[in-house]
C-alpha atoms as a PDB file:
ATOM      1  CA  MET A   1       5.463  23.819 -18.156  1.00  0.00           C
ATOM      2  CA  TYR A   2       5.490  20.325 -19.498  1.00  0.00           C
ATOM      3  CA  VAL A   3       1.994  21.016 -20.598  1.00  0.00           C
ATOM      4  CA  ALA A   4       2.312  24.213 -22.573  1.00  0.00           C
ATOM      5  CA  ALA A   5       5.859  22.779 -24.045  1.00  0.00           C
ATOM      6  CA  PRO A   6       3.331  21.030 -26.772  1.00  0.00           C
ATOM      7  CA  LEU A   7       0.757  23.992 -27.246  1.00  0.00           C
ATOM      8  CA  ILE A   8       3.876  26.023 -27.859  1.00  0.00           C
ATOM      9  CA  VAL A   9       5.378  23.977 -30.342  1.00  0.00           C
ATOM     10  CA  PHE A  10       1.786  23.447 -31.724  1.00  0.00           C
ATOM     11  CA  LEU A  11       1.540  27.349 -32.529  1.00  0.00           C
ATOM     12  CA  ILE A  12       4.440  28.076 -33.756  1.00  0.00           C
ATOM     13  CA  VAL A  13       4.606  25.343 -36.578  1.00  0.00           C
ATOM     14  CA  THR A  14       0.876  26.148 -37.032  1.00  0.00           C
ATOM     15  CA  PHE A  15       2.301  29.874 -37.520  1.00  0.00           C
ATOM     16  CA  TYR A  16       5.040  28.557 -40.065  1.00  0.00           C
ATOM     17  CA  LEU A  17       2.710  26.076 -42.029  1.00  0.00           C
ATOM     18  CA  ASP A  18       0.239  29.396 -42.337  1.00  0.00           C
ATOM     19  CA  ILE A  19       2.934  31.553 -43.612  1.00  0.00           C
ATOM     20  CA  LYS A  20       4.591  28.588 -45.918  1.00  0.00           C
ATOM     21  CA  PHE A  21       1.545  27.006 -47.266  1.00  0.00           C
ATOM     22  CA  LYS A  22      -1.127  30.221 -46.791  1.00  0.00           C
ATOM     23  CA  THR A  23      -3.310  27.370 -44.461  1.00  0.00           C
ATOM     24  CA  LYS A  24      -5.929  28.535 -41.801  1.00  0.00           C
ATOM     25  CA  LEU A  25      -4.413  26.664 -39.012  1.00  0.00           C
ATOM     26  CA  LYS A  26      -3.375  29.484 -37.169  1.00  0.00           C
ATOM     27  CA  ARG A  27      -7.125  30.213 -35.593  1.00  0.00           C
ATOM     28  CA  TYR A  28      -7.038  27.082 -34.345  1.00  0.00           C
ATOM     29  CA  SER A  29      -3.682  26.599 -32.508  1.00  0.00           C
ATOM     30  CA  ILE A  30      -4.296  30.239 -30.588  1.00  0.00           C
ATOM     31  CA  LEU A  31      -8.137  28.902 -29.938  1.00  0.00           C
ATOM     32  CA  ALA A  32      -6.128  26.197 -28.412  1.00  0.00           C
ATOM     33  CA  ALA A  33      -4.086  28.715 -26.060  1.00  0.00           C
ATOM     34  CA  ILE A  34      -7.298  30.343 -24.966  1.00  0.00           C
ATOM     35  CA  LEU A  35      -9.022  27.439 -23.793  1.00  0.00           C
ATOM     36  CA  PHE A  36      -6.096  25.904 -22.404  1.00  0.00           C
ATOM     37  CA  ILE A  37      -5.602  29.357 -20.395  1.00  0.00           C
ATOM     38  CA  CYS A  38      -9.175  29.073 -19.049  1.00  0.00           C
ATOM     39  CA  CYS A  39      -9.008  25.716 -18.102  1.00  0.00           C
ATOM     40  CA  LEU A  40      -5.756  27.018 -15.371  1.00  0.00           C
ATOM     41  CA  LEU A  41      -7.469  29.248 -14.496  1.00  0.00           C
ATOM     42  CA  ILE A  42     -10.954  27.694 -13.660  1.00  0.00           C
ATOM     43  CA  PHE A  43      -9.635  23.944 -12.804  1.00  0.00           C
ATOM     44  CA  PRO A  44      -8.215  24.850  -9.293  1.00  0.00           C
ATOM     45  CA  ARG A  45     -11.497  26.623  -8.168  1.00  0.00           C
ATOM     46  CA  VAL A  46     -13.419  23.439  -9.287  1.00  0.00           C
ATOM     47  CA  LYS A  47     -11.021  21.018  -8.168  1.00  0.00           C
ATOM     48  CA  ALA A  48     -11.298  23.269  -4.637  1.00  0.00           C
ATOM     49  CA  PHE A  49     -15.177  22.980  -4.983  1.00  0.00           C
ATOM     50  CA  ILE A  50     -14.856  18.670  -5.630  1.00  0.00           C
ATOM     51  CA  VAL A  51     -12.583  18.380  -2.562  1.00  0.00           C
ATOM     52  CA  LYS A  52     -15.062  20.758  -0.218  1.00  0.00           C
ATOM     53  CA  ASP A  53     -18.285  18.786  -1.784  1.00  0.00           C
ATOM     54  CA  THR A  54     -16.666  15.371  -0.673  1.00  0.00           C
ATOM     55  CA  GLU A  55     -15.161  15.939   2.563  1.00  0.00           C
ATOM     56  CA  ILE A  56     -18.712  17.225   3.222  1.00  0.00           C
ATOM     57  CA  LYS A  57     -20.494  13.818   1.967  1.00  0.00           C
ATOM     58  CA  GLY A  58     -17.649  12.017   3.631  1.00  0.00           C
ATOM     59  CA  GLN A  59     -18.587  13.700   7.077  1.00  0.00           C
ATOM     60  CA  LYS A  60     -21.959  12.903   6.647  1.00  0.00           C
ATOM     61  CA  LEU A  61     -21.031   9.343   6.315  1.00  0.00           C
ATOM     62  CA  VAL A  62     -19.182   9.456   9.103  1.00  0.00           C
ATOM     63  CA  ASP A  63     -21.600  10.866  11.012  1.00  0.00           C
ATOM     64  CA  ALA A  64     -23.778   8.172  10.265  1.00  0.00           C
ATOM     65  CA  ILE A  65     -21.098   5.527  11.093  1.00  0.00           C
ATOM     66  CA  GLN A  66     -20.662   7.105  14.454  1.00  0.00           C
ATOM     67  CA  ASN A  67     -24.688   6.625  15.214  1.00  0.00           C
ATOM     68  CA  TYR A  68     -25.157   3.490  13.885  1.00  0.00           C
ATOM     69  CA  LYS A  69     -22.164   2.515  16.644  1.00  0.00           C
ATOM     70  CA  GLU A  70     -24.143   4.499  19.073  1.00  0.00           C
ATOM     71  CA  LYS A  71     -27.087   2.571  18.303  1.00  0.00           C
ATOM     72  CA  ASN A  72     -26.144  -0.939  17.637  1.00  0.00           C
ATOM     73  CA  GLY A  73     -23.150  -0.947  20.064  1.00  0.00           C
ATOM     74  CA  PHE A  74     -20.639  -2.247  17.484  1.00  0.00           C
ATOM     75  CA  TRP A  75     -19.480  -0.853  13.789  1.00  0.00           C
ATOM     76  CA  PRO A  76     -20.842  -1.737  11.141  1.00  0.00           C
ATOM     77  CA  GLN A  77     -19.357  -4.555   8.551  1.00  0.00           C
ATOM     78  CA  SER A  78     -19.676  -2.565   5.531  1.00  0.00           C
ATOM     79  CA  LEU A  79     -21.175   0.388   4.106  1.00  0.00           C
ATOM     80  CA  ASP A  80     -23.473  -1.909   2.426  1.00  0.00           C
ATOM     81  CA  ASP A  81     -25.814  -2.107   5.535  1.00  0.00           C
ATOM     82  CA  PRO A  82     -29.224  -0.867   4.853  1.00  0.00           C
ATOM     83  CA  TYR A  83     -28.721   2.000   7.521  1.00  0.00           C
ATOM     84  CA  PHE A  84     -26.857   3.445   5.100  1.00  0.00           C
ATOM     85  CA  ASN A  85     -29.362   3.342   2.064  1.00  0.00           C
ATOM     86  CA  ASN A  86     -30.093   7.320   2.757  1.00  0.00           C
ATOM     87  CA  TYR A  87     -26.134   8.504   2.634  1.00  0.00           C
ATOM     88  CA  SER A  88     -24.138   9.168  -1.028  1.00  0.00           C
ATOM     89  CA  LYS A  89     -21.347   6.199  -0.476  1.00  0.00           C
ATOM     90  CA  THR A  90     -19.729   8.032  -3.708  1.00  0.00           C
ATOM     91  CA  ALA A  91     -16.770  10.476  -2.955  1.00  0.00           C
ATOM     92  CA  ILE A  92     -16.083  11.856  -6.527  1.00  0.00           C
ATOM     93  CA  VAL A  93     -17.965  10.914  -9.297  1.00  0.00           C
ATOM     94  CA  GLN A  94     -17.685   7.490  -9.844  1.00  0.00           C
ATOM     95  CA  ARG A  95     -14.941   6.822  -6.723  1.00  0.00           C
ATOM     96  CA  PRO A  96     -16.880   5.693  -3.623  1.00  0.00           C
ATOM     97  CA  PHE A  97     -15.963   5.689  -0.437  1.00  0.00           C
ATOM     98  CA  TYR A  98     -14.086   3.066   1.328  1.00  0.00           C
ATOM     99  CA  TYR A  99     -14.797   1.746   4.668  1.00  0.00           C
ATOM    100  CA  LYS A 100     -13.406  -1.402   6.563  1.00  0.00           C
ATOM    101  CA  LEU A 101     -12.653  -2.545   9.666  1.00  0.00           C
ATOM    102  CA  ASP A 102      -9.191  -2.766  10.728  1.00  0.00           C
ATOM    103  CA  LYS A 103      -7.751  -3.971  14.538  1.00  0.00           C
ATOM    104  CA  ASN A 104      -9.030  -5.315  17.224  1.00  0.00           C
ATOM    105  CA  VAL A 105      -6.848  -3.497  20.147  1.00  0.00           C
ATOM    106  CA  GLY A 106      -7.882  -4.112  23.596  1.00  0.00           C
ATOM    107  CA  GLY A 107     -11.666  -4.723  22.954  1.00  0.00           C
ATOM    108  CA  ASP A 108     -11.552  -1.455  20.842  1.00  0.00           C
ATOM    109  CA  THR A 109     -11.994  -2.103  17.050  1.00  0.00           C
ATOM    110  CA  THR A 110      -9.970   0.865  14.460  1.00  0.00           C
ATOM    111  CA  VAL A 111     -11.852   1.779  11.170  1.00  0.00           C
ATOM    112  CA  ILE A 112     -10.733   2.790   8.664  1.00  0.00           C
ATOM    113  CA  PHE A 113     -12.343   5.448   6.289  1.00  0.00           C
ATOM    114  CA  TYR A 114     -11.475   6.501   2.833  1.00  0.00           C
ATOM    115  CA  PHE A 115     -11.296   7.835  -0.890  1.00  0.00           C
ATOM    116  CA  TYR A 116      -9.337   8.066  -3.532  1.00  0.00           C
ATOM    117  CA  SER A 117      -9.247  11.683  -4.960  1.00  0.00           C
ATOM    118  CA  PHE A 118      -9.361  12.518  -9.118  1.00  0.00           C
ATOM    119  CA  ASP A 119      -5.266  13.576  -8.871  1.00  0.00           C
ATOM    120  CA  GLY A 120      -4.058  10.413  -7.057  1.00  0.00           C
ATOM    121  CA  LEU A 121      -4.209  11.114  -3.168  1.00  0.00           C
ATOM    122  CA  GLU A 122      -5.296   9.140  -0.810  1.00  0.00           C
ATOM    123  CA  ALA A 123      -8.177  11.141   2.142  1.00  0.00           C
ATOM    124  CA  ARG A 124      -7.946   8.423   5.068  1.00  0.00           C
ATOM    125  CA  LEU A 125      -9.530   8.914   8.674  1.00  0.00           C
ATOM    126  CA  ARG A 126      -8.632   6.260  11.571  1.00  0.00           C
ATOM    127  CA  ILE A 127     -11.172   6.197  14.001  1.00  0.00           C
ATOM    128  CA  ASN A 128     -11.833   4.097  17.422  1.00  0.00           C
ATOM    129  CA  SER A 129     -14.899   4.506  19.788  1.00  0.00           C
ATOM    130  CA  THR A 130     -12.735   6.411  22.442  1.00  0.00           C
ATOM    131  CA  GLU A 131     -10.808   9.062  19.996  1.00  0.00           C
ATOM    132  CA  PHE A 132     -14.042   9.739  17.906  1.00  0.00           C
ATOM    133  CA  LYS A 133     -16.138  12.929  18.197  1.00  0.00           C
ATOM    134  CA  SER A 134     -18.500  14.319  16.625  1.00  0.00           C
ATOM    135  CA  GLU A 135     -16.888  17.293  14.834  1.00  0.00           C
ATOM    136  CA  LYS A 136     -15.133  18.061  11.712  1.00  0.00           C
ATOM    137  CA  ILE A 137     -13.220  15.559  10.068  1.00  0.00           C
ATOM    138  CA  ILE A 138      -9.483  16.665   9.644  1.00  0.00           C
ATOM    139  CA  TRP A 139      -8.923  14.319   6.579  1.00  0.00           C
ATOM    140  CA  ASN A 140      -5.251  13.323   6.152  1.00  0.00           C
ATOM    141  CA  TYR A 141      -4.575  13.197   2.314  1.00  0.00           C
ATOM    142  CA  SER A 142      -1.503  11.590   1.110  1.00  0.00           C
ATOM    143  CA  ASP A 143       0.190   9.545  -2.425  1.00  0.00           C
END
């Protein structure tokens, strides 16, 4: 409603101005209303596509991190390692995946892998070698 309120005020004002001063602003306000409604209908689908695409890229990158660990016996220090050059390290347009080594508990290091969504949410995954399985990741979203 907060987004639609200025549009409704704009429609009322332009209709009033058209009647009082014989302007032709009404058509622009109607066009704005149509575009607004189209965006409301399209945005959820586009957002779902972007989130799904990002999660698929993240799954591939996490699988590569696991392969690196299995091959070398330790977690990579960063995603800048040449091993990851063939993988997309960008979640959403201009939003990179982040990776860091967190804690070393009982000889096992915990890894945090995350990205920020365009709506302010953070998708986070914590893994260590004892809990990590190569299956579909369930991302934890929070703000």
